[in-house]
Amino acid sequence: MEANGKYSFTMLFEPAEEGGYVVTCPALPGLVTEGDTMEEARRMAEDALRGYLESLLEDGLSIPADKSPIAEPIEIALVS
């Protein structure tokens, strides 16, 4: 556990085709939640993150380090 009992993880917020946002965490496989608005998605992400970490601790597992993905656009041209 971190010294102050707080954890910080990078969460990815992606617009969903049907509206709203899908939220994932690269460091925590299987953590997926969603919200109709960005505000709701943030609340849902906090709740999902808390539940995920509490579950790890209850199972006697260690909490992994955060992974900070690097996002970079790559442009290509396709020749037909």
PDB file of N, CA and C in Angstrom:
ATOM      1  N   MET A   1       0.854  -1.173   0.000  1.00  0.00           N
ATOM      2  CA  MET A   1       0.000   0.000   0.000  1.00  0.00           C
ATOM      3  C   MET A   1       0.897   1.232   0.000  1.00  0.00           C
ATOM      4  N   GLU A   2       0.481   2.229  -0.703  1.00  0.00           N
ATOM      5  CA  GLU A   2       1.234   3.462  -0.712  1.00  0.00           C
ATOM      6  C   GLU A   2       1.187   4.070   0.691  1.00  0.00           C
ATOM      7  N   ALA A   3       2.161   4.887   0.993  1.00  0.00           N
ATOM      8  CA  ALA A   3       2.297   5.439   2.344  1.00  0.00           C
ATOM      9  C   ALA A   3       1.025   6.108   2.850  1.00  0.00           C
ATOM     10  N   ASN A   4       0.334   6.844   2.019  1.00  0.00           N
ATOM     11  CA  ASN A   4      -0.846   7.563   2.477  1.00  0.00           C
ATOM     12  C   ASN A   4      -2.137   6.774   2.256  1.00  0.00           C
ATOM     13  N   GLY A   5      -2.024   5.520   1.801  1.00  0.00           N
ATOM     14  CA  GLY A   5      -3.205   4.695   1.588  1.00  0.00           C
ATOM     15  C   GLY A   5      -3.979   5.055   0.336  1.00  0.00           C
ATOM     16  N   LYS A   6      -3.427   5.925  -0.487  1.00  0.00           N
ATOM     17  CA  LYS A   6      -4.091   6.341  -1.717  1.00  0.00           C
ATOM     18  C   LYS A   6      -3.360   5.763  -2.922  1.00  0.00           C
ATOM     19  N   TYR A   7      -4.115   5.496  -3.955  1.00  0.00           N
ATOM     20  CA  TYR A   7      -3.571   4.958  -5.192  1.00  0.00           C
ATOM     21  C   TYR A   7      -4.002   5.832  -6.352  1.00  0.00           C
ATOM     22  N   SER A   8      -3.200   5.834  -7.380  1.00  0.00           N
ATOM     23  CA  SER A   8      -3.521   6.589  -8.579  1.00  0.00           C
ATOM     24  C   SER A   8      -3.288   5.686  -9.793  1.00  0.00           C
ATOM     25  N   PHE A   9      -4.290   5.585 -10.646  1.00  0.00           N
ATOM     26  CA  PHE A   9      -4.184   4.772 -11.851  1.00  0.00           C
ATOM     27  C   PHE A   9      -4.657   5.550 -13.059  1.00  0.00           C
ATOM     28  N   THR A  10      -4.002   5.343 -14.171  1.00  0.00           N
ATOM     29  CA  THR A  10      -4.402   5.951 -15.431  1.00  0.00           C
ATOM     30  C   THR A  10      -5.647   5.247 -15.946  1.00  0.00           C
ATOM     31  N   MET A  11      -6.687   6.029 -16.174  1.00  0.00           N
ATOM     32  CA  MET A  11      -7.939   5.492 -16.705  1.00  0.00           C
ATOM     33  C   MET A  11      -8.145   6.068 -18.107  1.00  0.00           C
ATOM     34  N   LEU A  12      -8.599   5.236 -19.027  1.00  0.00           N
ATOM     35  CA  LEU A  12      -8.857   5.672 -20.396  1.00  0.00           C
ATOM     36  C   LEU A  12     -10.354   5.826 -20.607  1.00  0.00           C
ATOM     37  N   PHE A  13     -10.765   6.980 -21.078  1.00  0.00           N
ATOM     38  CA  PHE A  13     -12.169   7.289 -21.346  1.00  0.00           C
ATOM     39  C   PHE A  13     -12.347   7.362 -22.854  1.00  0.00           C
ATOM     40  N   GLU A  14     -13.092   6.408 -23.398  1.00  0.00           N
ATOM     41  CA  GLU A  14     -13.308   6.381 -24.843  1.00  0.00           C
ATOM     42  C   GLU A  14     -14.781   6.591 -25.154  1.00  0.00           C
ATOM     43  N   PRO A  15     -15.076   7.498 -26.097  1.00  0.00           N
ATOM     44  CA  PRO A  15     -16.476   7.692 -26.482  1.00  0.00           C
ATOM     45  C   PRO A  15     -17.062   6.384 -27.020  1.00  0.00           C
ATOM     46  N   ALA A  16     -18.256   6.041 -26.572  1.00  0.00           N
ATOM     47  CA  ALA A  16     -18.938   4.818 -27.020  1.00  0.00           C
ATOM     48  C   ALA A  16     -19.790   5.144 -28.242  1.00  0.00           C
ATOM     49  N   GLU A  17     -19.912   4.190 -29.147  1.00  0.00           N
ATOM     50  CA  GLU A  17     -20.703   4.387 -30.362  1.00  0.00           C
ATOM     51  C   GLU A  17     -22.138   4.781 -30.044  1.00  0.00           C
ATOM     52  N   GLU A  18     -22.704   4.180 -29.013  1.00  0.00           N
ATOM     53  CA  GLU A  18     -24.096   4.437 -28.660  1.00  0.00           C
ATOM     54  C   GLU A  18     -24.248   5.661 -27.761  1.00  0.00           C
ATOM     55  N   GLY A  19     -23.158   6.350 -27.491  1.00  0.00           N
ATOM     56  CA  GLY A  19     -23.171   7.515 -26.616  1.00  0.00           C
ATOM     57  C   GLY A  19     -22.538   7.181 -25.277  1.00  0.00           C
ATOM     58  N   GLY A  20     -22.133   8.192 -24.576  1.00  0.00           N
ATOM     59  CA  GLY A  20     -21.481   7.978 -23.296  1.00  0.00           C
ATOM     60  C   GLY A  20     -20.024   7.610 -23.470  1.00  0.00           C
ATOM     61  N   TYR A  21     -19.447   7.036 -22.420  1.00  0.00           N
ATOM     62  CA  TYR A  21     -18.021   6.718 -22.400  1.00  0.00           C
ATOM     63  C   TYR A  21     -17.789   5.339 -21.805  1.00  0.00           C
ATOM     64  N   VAL A  22     -16.828   4.631 -22.371  1.00  0.00           N
ATOM     65  CA  VAL A  22     -16.362   3.362 -21.830  1.00  0.00           C
ATOM     66  C   VAL A  22     -15.019   3.650 -21.164  1.00  0.00           C
ATOM     67  N   VAL A  23     -14.847   3.136 -19.950  1.00  0.00           N
ATOM     68  CA  VAL A  23     -13.640   3.415 -19.178  1.00  0.00           C
ATOM     69  C   VAL A  23     -12.892   2.112 -18.906  1.00  0.00           C
ATOM     70  N   THR A  24     -11.586   2.118 -19.180  1.00  0.00           N
ATOM     71  CA  THR A  24     -10.728   0.966 -18.897  1.00  0.00           C
ATOM     72  C   THR A  24      -9.469   1.458 -18.184  1.00  0.00           C
ATOM     73  N   CYS A  25      -8.739   0.508 -17.630  1.00  0.00           N
ATOM     74  CA  CYS A  25      -7.494   0.823 -16.930  1.00  0.00           C
ATOM     75  C   CYS A  25      -6.415  -0.143 -17.436  1.00  0.00           C
ATOM     76  N   PRO A  26      -5.414   0.362 -18.167  1.00  0.00           N
ATOM     77  CA  PRO A  26      -4.381  -0.516 -18.725  1.00  0.00           C
ATOM     78  C   PRO A  26      -3.669  -1.395 -17.695  1.00  0.00           C
ATOM     79  N   ALA A  27      -3.512  -0.921 -16.467  1.00  0.00           N
ATOM     80  CA  ALA A  27      -2.785  -1.673 -15.441  1.00  0.00           C
ATOM     81  C   ALA A  27      -3.627  -2.761 -14.788  1.00  0.00           C
ATOM     82  N   LEU A  28      -4.959  -2.698 -14.970  1.00  0.00           N
ATOM     83  CA  LEU A  28      -5.846  -3.627 -14.277  1.00  0.00           C
ATOM     84  C   LEU A  28      -6.732  -4.356 -15.290  1.00  0.00           C
ATOM     85  N   PRO A  29      -6.269  -5.485 -15.796  1.00  0.00           N
ATOM     86  CA  PRO A  29      -7.021  -6.221 -16.808  1.00  0.00           C
ATOM     87  C   PRO A  29      -8.431  -6.570 -16.334  1.00  0.00           C
ATOM     88  N   GLY A  30      -9.394  -6.355 -17.204  1.00  0.00           N
ATOM     89  CA  GLY A  30     -10.773  -6.699 -16.876  1.00  0.00           C
ATOM     90  C   GLY A  30     -11.555  -5.577 -16.230  1.00  0.00           C
ATOM     91  N   LEU A  31     -10.893  -4.493 -15.835  1.00  0.00           N
ATOM     92  CA  LEU A  31     -11.621  -3.368 -15.256  1.00  0.00           C
ATOM     93  C   LEU A  31     -12.221  -2.566 -16.410  1.00  0.00           C
ATOM     94  N   VAL A  32     -13.534  -2.640 -16.525  1.00  0.00           N
ATOM     95  CA  VAL A  32     -14.267  -1.910 -17.560  1.00  0.00           C
ATOM     96  C   VAL A  32     -15.553  -1.394 -16.943  1.00  0.00           C
ATOM     97  N   THR A  33     -15.837  -0.131 -17.176  1.00  0.00           N
ATOM     98  CA  THR A  33     -17.092   0.447 -16.730  1.00  0.00           C
ATOM     99  C   THR A  33     -17.512   1.485 -17.750  1.00  0.00           C
ATOM    100  N   GLU A  34     -18.653   2.117 -17.527  1.00  0.00           N
ATOM    101  CA  GLU A  34     -19.128   3.111 -18.487  1.00  0.00           C
ATOM    102  C   GLU A  34     -20.028   4.118 -17.800  1.00  0.00           C
ATOM    103  N   GLY A  35     -20.265   5.211 -18.495  1.00  0.00           N
ATOM    104  CA  GLY A  35     -21.173   6.240 -17.996  1.00  0.00           C
ATOM    105  C   GLY A  35     -21.768   7.001 -19.158  1.00  0.00           C
ATOM    106  N   ASP A  36     -22.973   7.510 -18.955  1.00  0.00           N
ATOM    107  CA  ASP A  36     -23.654   8.256 -20.015  1.00  0.00           C
ATOM    108  C   ASP A  36     -23.035   9.633 -20.249  1.00  0.00           C
ATOM    109  N   THR A  37     -22.424  10.194 -19.209  1.00  0.00           N
ATOM    110  CA  THR A  37     -21.741  11.482 -19.319  1.00  0.00           C
ATOM    111  C   THR A  37     -20.324  11.297 -18.778  1.00  0.00           C
ATOM    112  N   MET A  38     -19.468  12.273 -19.049  1.00  0.00           N
ATOM    113  CA  MET A  38     -18.102  12.194 -18.540  1.00  0.00           C
ATOM    114  C   MET A  38     -18.113  12.190 -17.015  1.00  0.00           C
ATOM    115  N   GLU A  39     -18.968  12.992 -16.415  1.00  0.00           N
ATOM    116  CA  GLU A  39     -19.071  13.040 -14.951  1.00  0.00           C
ATOM    117  C   GLU A  39     -19.480  11.678 -14.394  1.00  0.00           C
ATOM    118  N   GLU A  40     -20.500  11.061 -14.991  1.00  0.00           N
ATOM    119  CA  GLU A  40     -20.936   9.744 -14.540  1.00  0.00           C
ATOM    120  C   GLU A  40     -19.843   8.707 -14.779  1.00  0.00           C
ATOM    121  N   ALA A  41     -19.154   8.799 -15.914  1.00  0.00           N
ATOM    122  CA  ALA A  41     -18.075   7.849 -16.217  1.00  0.00           C
ATOM    123  C   ALA A  41     -16.955   7.955 -15.179  1.00  0.00           C
ATOM    124  N   ARG A  42     -16.634   9.167 -14.740  1.00  0.00           N
ATOM    125  CA  ARG A  42     -15.608   9.351 -13.697  1.00  0.00           C
ATOM    126  C   ARG A  42     -16.047   8.711 -12.386  1.00  0.00           C
ATOM    127  N   ARG A  43     -17.308   8.933 -12.002  1.00  0.00           N
ATOM    128  CA  ARG A  43     -17.825   8.326 -10.758  1.00  0.00           C
ATOM    129  C   ARG A  43     -17.787   6.804 -10.856  1.00  0.00           C
ATOM    130  N   MET A  44     -18.220   6.282 -11.985  1.00  0.00           N
ATOM    131  CA  MET A  44     -18.227   4.830 -12.179  1.00  0.00           C
ATOM    132  C   MET A  44     -16.800   4.277 -12.160  1.00  0.00           C
ATOM    133  N   ALA A  45     -15.868   5.032 -12.733  1.00  0.00           N
ATOM    134  CA  ALA A  45     -14.465   4.604 -12.747  1.00  0.00           C
ATOM    135  C   ALA A  45     -13.901   4.542 -11.335  1.00  0.00           C
ATOM    136  N   GLU A  46     -14.204   5.546 -10.523  1.00  0.00           N
ATOM    137  CA  GLU A  46     -13.734   5.541  -9.126  1.00  0.00           C
ATOM    138  C   GLU A  46     -14.302   4.344  -8.375  1.00  0.00           C
ATOM    139  N   ASP A  47     -15.580   4.075  -8.568  1.00  0.00           N
ATOM    140  CA  ASP A  47     -16.228   2.956  -7.901  1.00  0.00           C
ATOM    141  C   ASP A  47     -15.632   1.621  -8.361  1.00  0.00           C
ATOM    142  N   ALA A  48     -15.436   1.471  -9.667  1.00  0.00           N
ATOM    143  CA  ALA A  48     -14.871   0.231 -10.210  1.00  0.00           C
ATOM    144  C   ALA A  48     -13.433   0.040  -9.730  1.00  0.00           C
ATOM    145  N   LEU A  49     -12.664   1.123  -9.707  1.00  0.00           N
ATOM    146  CA  LEU A  49     -11.276   1.047  -9.248  1.00  0.00           C
ATOM    147  C   LEU A  49     -11.208   0.643  -7.778  1.00  0.00           C
ATOM    148  N   ARG A  50     -12.048   1.264  -6.959  1.00  0.00           N
ATOM    149  CA  ARG A  50     -12.077   0.931  -5.525  1.00  0.00           C
ATOM    150  C   ARG A  50     -12.422  -0.553  -5.333  1.00  0.00           C
ATOM    151  N   GLY A  51     -13.459  -1.023  -6.015  1.00  0.00           N
ATOM    152  CA  GLY A  51     -13.863  -2.419  -5.899  1.00  0.00           C
ATOM    153  C   GLY A  51     -12.787  -3.381  -6.359  1.00  0.00           C
ATOM    154  N   TYR A  52     -12.134  -3.047  -7.458  1.00  0.00           N
ATOM    155  CA  TYR A  52     -11.068  -3.900  -8.003  1.00  0.00           C
ATOM    156  C   TYR A  52      -9.917  -4.022  -7.007  1.00  0.00           C
ATOM    157  N   LEU A  53      -9.457  -2.874  -6.482  1.00  0.00           N
ATOM    158  CA  LEU A  53      -8.327  -2.890  -5.544  1.00  0.00           C
ATOM    159  C   LEU A  53      -8.685  -3.586  -4.234  1.00  0.00           C
ATOM    160  N   GLU A  54      -9.900  -3.341  -3.729  1.00  0.00           N
ATOM    161  CA  GLU A  54     -10.330  -4.022  -2.502  1.00  0.00           C
ATOM    162  C   GLU A  54     -10.389  -5.524  -2.711  1.00  0.00           C
ATOM    163  N   SER A  55     -10.832  -5.957  -3.886  1.00  0.00           N
ATOM    164  CA  SER A  55     -10.895  -7.387  -4.200  1.00  0.00           C
ATOM    165  C   SER A  55      -9.500  -8.012  -4.224  1.00  0.00           C
ATOM    166  N   LEU A  56      -8.550  -7.302  -4.820  1.00  0.00           N
ATOM    167  CA  LEU A  56      -7.172  -7.807  -4.830  1.00  0.00           C
ATOM    168  C   LEU A  56      -6.664  -7.999  -3.406  1.00  0.00           C
ATOM    169  N   LEU A  57      -6.865  -6.983  -2.554  1.00  0.00           N
ATOM    170  CA  LEU A  57      -6.384  -7.065  -1.176  1.00  0.00           C
ATOM    171  C   LEU A  57      -7.074  -8.183  -0.400  1.00  0.00           C
ATOM    172  N   GLU A  58      -8.393  -8.338  -0.597  1.00  0.00           N
ATOM    173  CA  GLU A  58      -9.133  -9.408   0.084  1.00  0.00           C
ATOM    174  C   GLU A  58      -8.629 -10.787  -0.323  1.00  0.00           C
ATOM    175  N   ASP A  59      -8.173 -10.910  -1.568  1.00  0.00           N
ATOM    176  CA  ASP A  59      -7.654 -12.186  -2.066  1.00  0.00           C
ATOM    177  C   ASP A  59      -6.175 -12.373  -1.751  1.00  0.00           C
ATOM    178  N   GLY A  60      -5.582 -11.427  -1.017  1.00  0.00           N
ATOM    179  CA  GLY A  60      -4.180 -11.528  -0.637  1.00  0.00           C
ATOM    180  C   GLY A  60      -3.224 -11.240  -1.777  1.00  0.00           C
ATOM    181  N   LEU A  61      -3.700 -10.563  -2.812  1.00  0.00           N
ATOM    182  CA  LEU A  61      -2.865 -10.244  -3.967  1.00  0.00           C
ATOM    183  C   LEU A  61      -2.323  -8.827  -3.849  1.00  0.00           C
ATOM    184  N   SER A  62      -1.204  -8.595  -4.491  1.00  0.00           N
ATOM    185  CA  SER A  62      -0.625  -7.252  -4.442  1.00  0.00           C
ATOM    186  C   SER A  62      -1.266  -6.366  -5.511  1.00  0.00           C
ATOM    187  N   ILE A  63      -1.238  -5.105  -5.256  1.00  0.00           N
ATOM    188  CA  ILE A  63      -1.773  -4.127  -6.202  1.00  0.00           C
ATOM    189  C   ILE A  63      -0.650  -3.764  -7.167  1.00  0.00           C
ATOM    190  N   PRO A  64      -0.881  -3.940  -8.466  1.00  0.00           N
ATOM    191  CA  PRO A  64       0.182  -3.671  -9.441  1.00  0.00           C
ATOM    192  C   PRO A  64       0.459  -2.173  -9.585  1.00  0.00           C
ATOM    193  N   ALA A  65       1.605  -1.884 -10.155  1.00  0.00           N
ATOM    194  CA  ALA A  65       1.943  -0.490 -10.440  1.00  0.00           C
ATOM    195  C   ALA A  65       1.112   0.000 -11.615  1.00  0.00           C
ATOM    196  N   ASP A  66       0.889   1.290 -11.652  1.00  0.00           N
ATOM    197  CA  ASP A  66       0.158   1.897 -12.758  1.00  0.00           C
ATOM    198  C   ASP A  66       0.976   1.781 -14.035  1.00  0.00           C
ATOM    199  N   LYS A  67       0.282   1.728 -15.148  1.00  0.00           N
ATOM    200  CA  LYS A  67       0.918   1.778 -16.459  1.00  0.00           C
ATOM    201  C   LYS A  67       0.407   3.030 -17.138  1.00  0.00           C
ATOM    202  N   SER A  68       1.298   3.832 -17.619  1.00  0.00           N
ATOM    203  CA  SER A  68       0.891   5.035 -18.328  1.00  0.00           C
ATOM    204  C   SER A  68       1.094   4.818 -19.820  1.00  0.00           C
ATOM    205  N   PRO A  69       0.008   4.551 -20.537  1.00  0.00           N
ATOM    206  CA  PRO A  69       0.149   4.318 -21.973  1.00  0.00           C
ATOM    207  C   PRO A  69       0.582   5.593 -22.689  1.00  0.00           C
ATOM    208  N   ILE A  70       1.246   5.407 -23.777  1.00  0.00           N
ATOM    209  CA  ILE A  70       1.653   6.532 -24.605  1.00  0.00           C
ATOM    210  C   ILE A  70       0.739   6.545 -25.825  1.00  0.00           C
ATOM    211  N   ALA A  71       0.004   7.613 -25.988  1.00  0.00           N
ATOM    212  CA  ALA A  71      -0.891   7.743 -27.132  1.00  0.00           C
ATOM    213  C   ALA A  71      -0.222   8.636 -28.161  1.00  0.00           C
ATOM    214  N   GLU A  72      -0.126   8.127 -29.377  1.00  0.00           N
ATOM    215  CA  GLU A  72       0.495   8.897 -30.436  1.00  0.00           C
ATOM    216  C   GLU A  72      -0.192   8.570 -31.752  1.00  0.00           C
ATOM    217  N   PRO A  73      -0.695   9.580 -32.439  1.00  0.00           N
ATOM    218  CA  PRO A  73      -1.325   9.303 -33.728  1.00  0.00           C
ATOM    219  C   PRO A  73      -0.284   8.929 -34.780  1.00  0.00           C
ATOM    220  N   ILE A  74      -0.631   7.978 -35.604  1.00  0.00           N
ATOM    221  CA  ILE A  74       0.219   7.568 -36.711  1.00  0.00           C
ATOM    222  C   ILE A  74      -0.602   7.678 -37.978  1.00  0.00           C
ATOM    223  N   GLU A  75      -0.104   8.457 -38.928  1.00  0.00           N
ATOM    224  CA  GLU A  75      -0.828   8.684 -40.175  1.00  0.00           C
ATOM    225  C   GLU A  75      -0.192   7.865 -41.288  1.00  0.00           C
ATOM    226  N   ILE A  76      -1.038   7.168 -42.033  1.00  0.00           N
ATOM    227  CA  ILE A  76      -0.558   6.399 -43.182  1.00  0.00           C
ATOM    228  C   ILE A  76      -1.446   6.686 -44.376  1.00  0.00           C
ATOM    229  N   ALA A  77      -0.953   6.387 -45.544  1.00  0.00           N
ATOM    230  CA  ALA A  77      -1.751   6.511 -46.763  1.00  0.00           C
ATOM    231  C   ALA A  77      -1.799   5.150 -47.418  1.00  0.00           C
ATOM    232  N   LEU A  78      -3.001   4.751 -47.819  1.00  0.00           N
ATOM    233  CA  LEU A  78      -3.167   3.486 -48.523  1.00  0.00           C
ATOM    234  C   LEU A  78      -3.284   3.767 -50.006  1.00  0.00           C
ATOM    235  N   VAL A  79      -2.544   3.036 -50.787  1.00  0.00           N
ATOM    236  CA  VAL A  79      -2.572   3.206 -52.238  1.00  0.00           C
ATOM    237  C   VAL A  79      -3.439   2.098 -52.804  1.00  0.00           C
ATOM    238  N   SER A  80      -4.463   2.493 -53.603  1.00  0.00           N
ATOM    239  CA  SER A  80      -5.334   1.474 -54.173  1.00  0.00           C
ATOM    240  C   SER A  80      -4.853   1.026 -55.522  1.00  0.00           C
TER     241      SER A  80
END
